[in-house]
PDB file of all heavy atoms in Angstrom:
ATOM      1  N   CYS A   1      19.091 -36.872 124.935  1.00  0.00           N
ATOM      2  CA  CYS A   1      18.901 -35.626 124.336  1.00  0.00           C
ATOM      3  C   CYS A   1      18.570 -34.507 125.370  1.00  0.00           C
ATOM      4  O   CYS A   1      18.079 -34.871 126.420  1.00  0.00           O
ATOM      5  CB  CYS A   1      17.750 -35.722 123.341  1.00  0.00           C
ATOM      6  SG  CYS A   1      18.078 -36.804 121.955  1.00  0.00           S
ATOM      7  N   VAL A   2      18.923 -33.237 125.065  1.00  0.00           N
ATOM      8  CA  VAL A   2      18.560 -32.197 126.051  1.00  0.00           C
ATOM      9  C   VAL A   2      17.081 -31.838 125.983  1.00  0.00           C
ATOM     10  O   VAL A   2      16.543 -31.278 126.969  1.00  0.00           O
ATOM     11  CB  VAL A   2      19.409 -30.984 125.754  1.00  0.00           C
ATOM     12  CG1 VAL A   2      20.883 -31.183 125.988  1.00  0.00           C
ATOM     13  CG2 VAL A   2      19.161 -30.316 124.353  1.00  0.00           C
ATOM     14  N   ASP A   3      16.396 -32.274 124.931  1.00  0.00           N
ATOM     15  CA  ASP A   3      14.977 -31.932 124.853  1.00  0.00           C
ATOM     16  C   ASP A   3      14.382 -32.868 123.786  1.00  0.00           C
ATOM     17  O   ASP A   3      15.055 -33.362 122.913  1.00  0.00           O
ATOM     18  CB  ASP A   3      14.703 -30.526 124.518  1.00  0.00           C
ATOM     19  CG  ASP A   3      13.387 -30.010 125.124  1.00  0.00           C
ATOM     20  OD1 ASP A   3      12.503 -30.826 125.415  1.00  0.00           O
ATOM     21  OD2 ASP A   3      13.232 -28.760 125.220  1.00  0.00           O
ATOM     22  N   GLN A   4      13.034 -32.975 123.734  1.00  0.00           N
ATOM     23  CA  GLN A   4      12.250 -33.663 122.755  1.00  0.00           C
ATOM     24  C   GLN A   4      11.102 -32.686 122.390  1.00  0.00           C
ATOM     25  O   GLN A   4      10.392 -32.227 123.282  1.00  0.00           O
ATOM     26  CB  GLN A   4      11.723 -34.972 123.250  1.00  0.00           C
ATOM     27  CG  GLN A   4      10.862 -35.713 122.261  1.00  0.00           C
ATOM     28  CD  GLN A   4      10.161 -36.946 122.847  1.00  0.00           C
ATOM     29  OE1 GLN A   4       9.259 -36.660 123.651  1.00  0.00           O
ATOM     30  NE2 GLN A   4      10.541 -38.096 122.459  1.00  0.00           N
ATOM     31  N   VAL A   5      10.966 -32.443 121.077  1.00  0.00           N
ATOM     32  CA  VAL A   5       9.892 -31.570 120.617  1.00  0.00           C
ATOM     33  C   VAL A   5       9.120 -32.439 119.591  1.00  0.00           C
ATOM     34  O   VAL A   5       9.605 -32.976 118.700  1.00  0.00           O
ATOM     35  CB  VAL A   5      10.435 -30.308 119.843  1.00  0.00           C
ATOM     36  CG1 VAL A   5       9.260 -29.437 119.481  1.00  0.00           C
ATOM     37  CG2 VAL A   5      11.447 -29.561 120.846  1.00  0.00           C
ATOM     38  N   LYS A   6       7.734 -32.490 119.885  1.00  0.00           N
ATOM     39  CA  LYS A   6       6.932 -33.349 119.089  1.00  0.00           C
ATOM     40  C   LYS A   6       5.562 -32.770 118.895  1.00  0.00           C
ATOM     41  O   LYS A   6       5.104 -31.916 119.644  1.00  0.00           O
ATOM     42  CB  LYS A   6       6.791 -34.677 119.755  1.00  0.00           C
ATOM     43  CG  LYS A   6       6.191 -34.671 121.130  1.00  0.00           C
ATOM     44  CD  LYS A   6       6.277 -35.914 121.879  1.00  0.00           C
ATOM     45  CE  LYS A   6       5.688 -35.941 123.253  1.00  0.00           C
ATOM     46  NZ  LYS A   6       6.534 -35.384 124.250  1.00  0.00           N
ATOM     47  N   GLY A   7       4.879 -33.121 117.796  1.00  0.00           N
ATOM     48  CA  GLY A   7       3.529 -32.749 117.586  1.00  0.00           C
ATOM     49  C   GLY A   7       3.212 -31.396 117.021  1.00  0.00           C
ATOM     50  O   GLY A   7       2.123 -30.988 116.971  1.00  0.00           O
ATOM     51  N   LEU A   8       4.254 -30.743 116.594  1.00  0.00           N
ATOM     52  CA  LEU A   8       4.111 -29.347 116.084  1.00  0.00           C
ATOM     53  C   LEU A   8       4.307 -29.285 114.557  1.00  0.00           C
ATOM     54  O   LEU A   8       4.435 -28.163 114.069  1.00  0.00           O
ATOM     55  CB  LEU A   8       5.117 -28.388 116.768  1.00  0.00           C
ATOM     56  CG  LEU A   8       5.055 -28.351 118.291  1.00  0.00           C
ATOM     57  CD1 LEU A   8       6.153 -27.436 118.801  1.00  0.00           C
ATOM     58  CD2 LEU A   8       3.706 -27.942 118.791  1.00  0.00           C
ATOM     59  N   GLY A   9       4.341 -30.436 113.879  1.00  0.00           N
ATOM     60  CA  GLY A   9       4.623 -30.389 112.476  1.00  0.00           C
ATOM     61  C   GLY A   9       5.978 -29.810 112.178  1.00  0.00           C
ATOM     62  O   GLY A   9       6.896 -30.055 112.946  1.00  0.00           O
ATOM     63  N   VAL A  10       6.094 -29.012 111.128  1.00  0.00           N
ATOM     64  CA  VAL A  10       7.381 -28.417 110.817  1.00  0.00           C
ATOM     65  C   VAL A  10       7.885 -27.488 111.976  1.00  0.00           C
ATOM     66  O   VAL A  10       9.091 -27.386 112.104  1.00  0.00           O
ATOM     67  CB  VAL A  10       7.312 -27.583 109.504  1.00  0.00           C
ATOM     68  CG1 VAL A  10       6.426 -26.433 109.603  1.00  0.00           C
ATOM     69  CG2 VAL A  10       8.714 -27.180 109.007  1.00  0.00           C
ATOM     70  N   ASN A  11       6.995 -27.018 112.788  1.00  0.00           N
ATOM     71  CA  ASN A  11       7.367 -26.144 113.881  1.00  0.00           C
ATOM     72  C   ASN A  11       8.101 -26.916 114.983  1.00  0.00           C
ATOM     73  O   ASN A  11       8.715 -26.330 115.830  1.00  0.00           O
ATOM     74  CB  ASN A  11       6.176 -25.389 114.444  1.00  0.00           C
ATOM     75  CG  ASN A  11       5.712 -24.298 113.458  1.00  0.00           C
ATOM     76  OD1 ASN A  11       6.581 -23.614 112.851  1.00  0.00           O
ATOM     77  ND2 ASN A  11       4.438 -24.205 113.346  1.00  0.00           N
ATOM     78  N   SER A  12       8.083 -28.210 114.924  1.00  0.00           N
ATOM     79  CA  SER A  12       8.907 -29.023 115.862  1.00  0.00           C
ATOM     80  C   SER A  12      10.363 -28.664 115.550  1.00  0.00           C
ATOM     81  O   SER A  12      11.142 -28.513 116.503  1.00  0.00           O
ATOM     82  CB  SER A  12       8.670 -30.548 115.689  1.00  0.00           C
ATOM     83  OG  SER A  12       7.364 -30.902 116.160  1.00  0.00           O
ATOM     84  N   TYR A  13      10.713 -28.693 114.316  1.00  0.00           N
ATOM     85  CA  TYR A  13      12.108 -28.333 113.912  1.00  0.00           C
ATOM     86  C   TYR A  13      12.495 -26.876 114.296  1.00  0.00           C
ATOM     87  O   TYR A  13      13.539 -26.607 114.802  1.00  0.00           O
ATOM     88  CB  TYR A  13      12.345 -28.515 112.449  1.00  0.00           C
ATOM     89  CG  TYR A  13      12.333 -29.951 111.921  1.00  0.00           C
ATOM     90  CD1 TYR A  13      11.154 -30.544 111.504  1.00  0.00           C
ATOM     91  CD2 TYR A  13      13.477 -30.708 111.992  1.00  0.00           C
ATOM     92  CE1 TYR A  13      11.102 -31.816 111.060  1.00  0.00           C
ATOM     93  CE2 TYR A  13      13.526 -31.956 111.499  1.00  0.00           C
ATOM     94  CZ  TYR A  13      12.327 -32.573 111.059  1.00  0.00           C
ATOM     95  OH  TYR A  13      12.321 -33.890 110.605  1.00  0.00           O
ATOM     96  N   ILE A  14      11.542 -25.951 114.048  1.00  0.00           N
ATOM     97  CA  ILE A  14      11.706 -24.537 114.332  1.00  0.00           C
ATOM     98  C   ILE A  14      11.916 -24.346 115.891  1.00  0.00           C
ATOM     99  O   ILE A  14      12.802 -23.634 116.335  1.00  0.00           O
ATOM    100  CB  ILE A  14      10.540 -23.692 113.854  1.00  0.00           C
ATOM    101  CG1 ILE A  14      10.298 -23.835 112.328  1.00  0.00           C
ATOM    102  CG2 ILE A  14      10.688 -22.271 114.266  1.00  0.00           C
ATOM    103  CD1 ILE A  14      11.517 -23.545 111.438  1.00  0.00           C
ATOM    104  N   LYS A  15      11.096 -25.048 116.685  1.00  0.00           N
ATOM    105  CA  LYS A  15      11.216 -24.894 118.178  1.00  0.00           C
ATOM    106  C   LYS A  15      12.562 -25.490 118.578  1.00  0.00           C
ATOM    107  O   LYS A  15      13.273 -24.928 119.440  1.00  0.00           O
ATOM    108  CB  LYS A  15      10.050 -25.639 118.778  1.00  0.00           C
ATOM    109  CG  LYS A  15      10.123 -25.633 120.319  1.00  0.00           C
ATOM    110  CD  LYS A  15       9.857 -24.288 120.866  1.00  0.00           C
ATOM    111  CE  LYS A  15       9.709 -24.333 122.424  1.00  0.00           C
ATOM    112  NZ  LYS A  15       9.746 -23.008 122.993  1.00  0.00           N
ATOM    113  N   ALA A  16      13.015 -26.557 117.947  1.00  0.00           N
ATOM    114  CA  ALA A  16      14.287 -27.187 118.324  1.00  0.00           C
ATOM    115  C   ALA A  16      15.418 -26.202 118.049  1.00  0.00           C
ATOM    116  O   ALA A  16      16.368 -26.066 118.783  1.00  0.00           O
ATOM    117  CB  ALA A  16      14.432 -28.533 117.598  1.00  0.00           C
ATOM    118  N   MET A  17      15.321 -25.484 116.875  1.00  0.00           N
ATOM    119  CA  MET A  17      16.293 -24.518 116.514  1.00  0.00           C
ATOM    120  C   MET A  17      16.387 -23.380 117.561  1.00  0.00           C
ATOM    121  O   MET A  17      17.487 -22.951 117.949  1.00  0.00           O
ATOM    122  CB  MET A  17      16.004 -23.932 115.091  1.00  0.00           C
ATOM    123  CG  MET A  17      15.967 -24.880 114.025  1.00  0.00           C
ATOM    124  SD  MET A  17      17.331 -24.967 112.918  1.00  0.00           S
ATOM    125  CE  MET A  17      17.789 -23.271 112.585  1.00  0.00           C
ATOM    126  N   GLU A  18      15.175 -22.971 117.993  1.00  0.00           N
ATOM    127  CA  GLU A  18      15.168 -21.876 119.014  1.00  0.00           C
ATOM    128  C   GLU A  18      15.778 -22.374 120.314  1.00  0.00           C
ATOM    129  O   GLU A  18      16.491 -21.606 120.942  1.00  0.00           O
ATOM    130  CB  GLU A  18      13.726 -21.461 119.253  1.00  0.00           C
ATOM    131  CG  GLU A  18      13.142 -20.735 117.997  1.00  0.00           C
ATOM    132  CD  GLU A  18      11.649 -20.550 118.155  1.00  0.00           C
ATOM    133  OE1 GLU A  18      10.987 -21.132 118.960  1.00  0.00           O
ATOM    134  OE2 GLU A  18      11.118 -19.700 117.327  1.00  0.00           O
ATOM    135  N   ILE A  19      15.561 -23.626 120.764  1.00  0.00           N
ATOM    136  CA  ILE A  19      16.040 -24.180 121.988  1.00  0.00           C
ATOM    137  C   ILE A  19      17.583 -24.212 121.829  1.00  0.00           C
ATOM    138  O   ILE A  19      18.310 -23.798 122.711  1.00  0.00           O
ATOM    139  CB  ILE A  19      15.466 -25.564 122.236  1.00  0.00           C
ATOM    140  CG1 ILE A  19      13.975 -25.408 122.577  1.00  0.00           C
ATOM    141  CG2 ILE A  19      16.226 -26.214 123.368  1.00  0.00           C
ATOM    142  CD1 ILE A  19      13.203 -26.721 122.604  1.00  0.00           C
ATOM    143  N   LEU A  20      18.108 -24.710 120.703  1.00  0.00           N
ATOM    144  CA  LEU A  20      19.544 -24.798 120.557  1.00  0.00           C
ATOM    145  C   LEU A  20      20.133 -23.448 120.562  1.00  0.00           C
ATOM    146  O   LEU A  20      21.205 -23.197 121.177  1.00  0.00           O
ATOM    147  CB  LEU A  20      19.938 -25.519 119.248  1.00  0.00           C
ATOM    148  CG  LEU A  20      19.792 -27.044 119.323  1.00  0.00           C
ATOM    149  CD1 LEU A  20      20.065 -27.580 117.936  1.00  0.00           C
ATOM    150  CD2 LEU A  20      20.788 -27.636 120.371  1.00  0.00           C
ATOM    151  N   SER A  21      19.529 -22.423 119.911  1.00  0.00           N
ATOM    152  CA  SER A  21      20.067 -21.116 119.875  1.00  0.00           C
ATOM    153  C   SER A  21      20.178 -20.529 121.262  1.00  0.00           C
ATOM    154  O   SER A  21      21.132 -19.855 121.647  1.00  0.00           O
ATOM    155  CB  SER A  21      19.173 -20.205 119.027  1.00  0.00           C
ATOM    156  OG  SER A  21      19.365 -20.552 117.628  1.00  0.00           O
ATOM    157  N   GLU A  22      19.163 -20.812 122.111  1.00  0.00           N
ATOM    158  CA  GLU A  22      19.216 -20.349 123.504  1.00  0.00           C
ATOM    159  C   GLU A  22      20.270 -21.039 124.275  1.00  0.00           C
ATOM    160  O   GLU A  22      21.036 -20.360 125.047  1.00  0.00           O
ATOM    161  CB  GLU A  22      17.847 -20.657 124.179  1.00  0.00           C
ATOM    162  CG  GLU A  22      17.733 -20.152 125.642  1.00  0.00           C
ATOM    163  CD  GLU A  22      17.760 -18.622 125.719  1.00  0.00           C
ATOM    164  OE1 GLU A  22      17.469 -17.943 124.771  1.00  0.00           O
ATOM    165  OE2 GLU A  22      18.071 -18.169 126.840  1.00  0.00           O
ATOM    166  N   ILE A  23      20.524 -22.357 124.042  1.00  0.00           N
ATOM    167  CA  ILE A  23      21.589 -23.059 124.634  1.00  0.00           C
ATOM    168  C   ILE A  23      22.975 -22.404 124.200  1.00  0.00           C
ATOM    169  O   ILE A  23      23.808 -22.189 125.087  1.00  0.00           O
ATOM    170  CB  ILE A  23      21.619 -24.545 124.293  1.00  0.00           C
ATOM    171  CG1 ILE A  23      20.427 -25.242 125.007  1.00  0.00           C
ATOM    172  CG2 ILE A  23      22.916 -25.269 124.626  1.00  0.00           C
ATOM    173  CD1 ILE A  23      20.133 -26.604 124.510  1.00  0.00           C
ATOM    174  N   PHE A  24      23.156 -22.082 122.922  1.00  0.00           N
ATOM    175  CA  PHE A  24      24.323 -21.445 122.451  1.00  0.00           C
ATOM    176  C   PHE A  24      24.563 -20.152 123.185  1.00  0.00           C
ATOM    177  O   PHE A  24      25.695 -19.815 123.571  1.00  0.00           O
ATOM    178  CB  PHE A  24      24.283 -21.235 120.950  1.00  0.00           C
ATOM    179  CG  PHE A  24      24.199 -22.517 120.108  1.00  0.00           C
ATOM    180  CD1 PHE A  24      23.562 -22.453 118.911  1.00  0.00           C
ATOM    181  CD2 PHE A  24      24.675 -23.730 120.621  1.00  0.00           C
ATOM    182  CE1 PHE A  24      23.493 -23.596 118.110  1.00  0.00           C
ATOM    183  CE2 PHE A  24      24.549 -24.911 119.831  1.00  0.00           C
ATOM    184  CZ  PHE A  24      23.952 -24.821 118.602  1.00  0.00           C
ATOM    185  N   ARG A  25      23.519 -19.392 123.314  1.00  0.00           N
ATOM    186  CA  ARG A  25      23.699 -18.064 123.948  1.00  0.00           C
ATOM    187  C   ARG A  25      24.151 -18.192 125.430  1.00  0.00           C
ATOM    188  O   ARG A  25      24.858 -17.305 125.998  1.00  0.00           O
ATOM    189  CB  ARG A  25      22.371 -17.269 123.923  1.00  0.00           C
ATOM    190  CG  ARG A  25      22.157 -16.540 122.569  1.00  0.00           C
ATOM    191  CD  ARG A  25      21.040 -15.499 122.694  1.00  0.00           C
ATOM    192  NE  ARG A  25      19.725 -16.158 122.932  1.00  0.00           N
ATOM    193  CZ  ARG A  25      18.974 -16.701 122.041  1.00  0.00           C
ATOM    194  NH1 ARG A  25      19.318 -16.749 120.808  1.00  0.00           N
ATOM    195  NH2 ARG A  25      17.806 -17.206 122.399  1.00  0.00           N
ATOM    196  N   ASN A  26      23.691 -19.272 126.069  1.00  0.00           N
ATOM    197  CA  ASN A  26      23.948 -19.418 127.494  1.00  0.00           C
ATOM    198  C   ASN A  26      25.070 -20.422 127.757  1.00  0.00           C
ATOM    199  O   ASN A  26      25.314 -20.817 128.980  1.00  0.00           O
ATOM    200  CB  ASN A  26      22.650 -19.894 128.306  1.00  0.00           C
ATOM    201  CG  ASN A  26      21.611 -18.851 128.192  1.00  0.00           C
ATOM    202  OD1 ASN A  26      21.865 -17.685 128.297  1.00  0.00           O
ATOM    203  ND2 ASN A  26      20.368 -19.303 127.950  1.00  0.00           N
ATOM    204  N   ASP A  27      25.772 -20.854 126.733  1.00  0.00           N
ATOM    205  CA  ASP A  27      26.807 -21.918 126.856  1.00  0.00           C
ATOM    206  C   ASP A  27      27.966 -21.348 127.642  1.00  0.00           C
ATOM    207  O   ASP A  27      28.617 -20.366 127.418  1.00  0.00           O
ATOM    208  CB  ASP A  27      27.287 -22.279 125.488  1.00  0.00           C
ATOM    209  CG  ASP A  27      28.254 -23.523 125.518  1.00  0.00           C
ATOM    210  OD1 ASP A  27      28.374 -24.146 126.610  1.00  0.00           O
ATOM    211  OD2 ASP A  27      28.863 -23.791 124.486  1.00  0.00           O
ATOM    212  N   ASP A  28      28.249 -22.179 128.727  1.00  0.00           N
ATOM    213  CA  ASP A  28      29.428 -21.862 129.559  1.00  0.00           C
ATOM    214  C   ASP A  28      30.497 -22.961 129.351  1.00  0.00           C
ATOM    215  O   ASP A  28      31.451 -23.028 130.125  1.00  0.00           O
ATOM    216  CB  ASP A  28      28.995 -21.778 131.043  1.00  0.00           C
ATOM    217  CG  ASP A  28      28.461 -23.094 131.609  1.00  0.00           C
ATOM    218  OD1 ASP A  28      28.409 -24.120 130.814  1.00  0.00           O
ATOM    219  OD2 ASP A  28      28.120 -23.126 132.734  1.00  0.00           O
ATOM    220  N   GLY A  29      30.388 -23.761 128.348  1.00  0.00           N
ATOM    221  CA  GLY A  29      31.350 -24.806 128.082  1.00  0.00           C
ATOM    222  C   GLY A  29      31.224 -26.023 128.960  1.00  0.00           C
ATOM    223  O   GLY A  29      31.979 -26.921 128.850  1.00  0.00           O
ATOM    224  N   GLY A  30      30.116 -26.108 129.644  1.00  0.00           N
ATOM    225  CA  GLY A  30      29.899 -27.287 130.534  1.00  0.00           C
ATOM    226  C   GLY A  30      29.106 -28.353 129.919  1.00  0.00           C
ATOM    227  O   GLY A  30      28.823 -28.326 128.671  1.00  0.00           O
ATOM    228  N   GLN A  31      28.631 -29.289 130.716  1.00  0.00           N
ATOM    229  CA  GLN A  31      27.765 -30.372 130.244  1.00  0.00           C
ATOM    230  C   GLN A  31      26.376 -29.824 130.083  1.00  0.00           C
ATOM    231  O   GLN A  31      25.961 -28.870 130.649  1.00  0.00           O
ATOM    232  CB  GLN A  31      27.793 -31.409 131.275  1.00  0.00           C
ATOM    233  CG  GLN A  31      29.062 -32.276 131.340  1.00  0.00           C
ATOM    234  CD  GLN A  31      29.263 -33.073 130.018  1.00  0.00           C
ATOM    235  OE1 GLN A  31      30.107 -32.641 129.193  1.00  0.00           O
ATOM    236  NE2 GLN A  31      28.613 -34.128 129.813  1.00  0.00           N
ATOM    237  N   TYR A  32      25.596 -30.542 129.204  1.00  0.00           N
ATOM    238  CA  TYR A  32      24.299 -30.181 128.937  1.00  0.00           C
ATOM    239  C   TYR A  32      23.336 -31.069 129.774  1.00  0.00           C
ATOM    240  O   TYR A  32      23.505 -32.269 129.751  1.00  0.00           O
ATOM    241  CB  TYR A  32      24.013 -30.314 127.385  1.00  0.00           C
ATOM    242  CG  TYR A  32      24.896 -29.421 126.637  1.00  0.00           C
ATOM    243  CD1 TYR A  32      26.038 -29.963 126.011  1.00  0.00           C
ATOM    244  CD2 TYR A  32      24.644 -28.097 126.561  1.00  0.00           C
ATOM    245  CE1 TYR A  32      26.931 -29.116 125.335  1.00  0.00           C
ATOM    246  CE2 TYR A  32      25.555 -27.263 125.823  1.00  0.00           C
ATOM    247  CZ  TYR A  32      26.682 -27.795 125.246  1.00  0.00           C
ATOM    248  OH  TYR A  32      27.518 -26.944 124.542  1.00  0.00           O
ATOM    249  N   GLU A  33      22.402 -30.490 130.369  1.00  0.00           N
ATOM    250  CA  GLU A  33      21.409 -31.207 131.148  1.00  0.00           C
ATOM    251  C   GLU A  33      20.458 -31.951 130.159  1.00  0.00           C
ATOM    252  O   GLU A  33      19.878 -31.335 129.270  1.00  0.00           O
ATOM    253  CB  GLU A  33      20.667 -30.288 132.009  1.00  0.00           C
ATOM    254  CG  GLU A  33      19.790 -31.102 133.039  1.00  0.00           C
ATOM    255  CD  GLU A  33      19.277 -30.153 134.113  1.00  0.00           C
ATOM    256  OE1 GLU A  33      19.993 -29.247 134.565  1.00  0.00           O
ATOM    257  OE2 GLU A  33      18.147 -30.476 134.580  1.00  0.00           O
TER     258      GLU A  33
END
């Protein structure tokens, strides 16, 4: 996985959505670290 978010309750999902949105904004079509 590109990241692991834990211990934030429902905000774990919200934080993951924010991370993915940032990845989408910066996507250059390459591989994900």
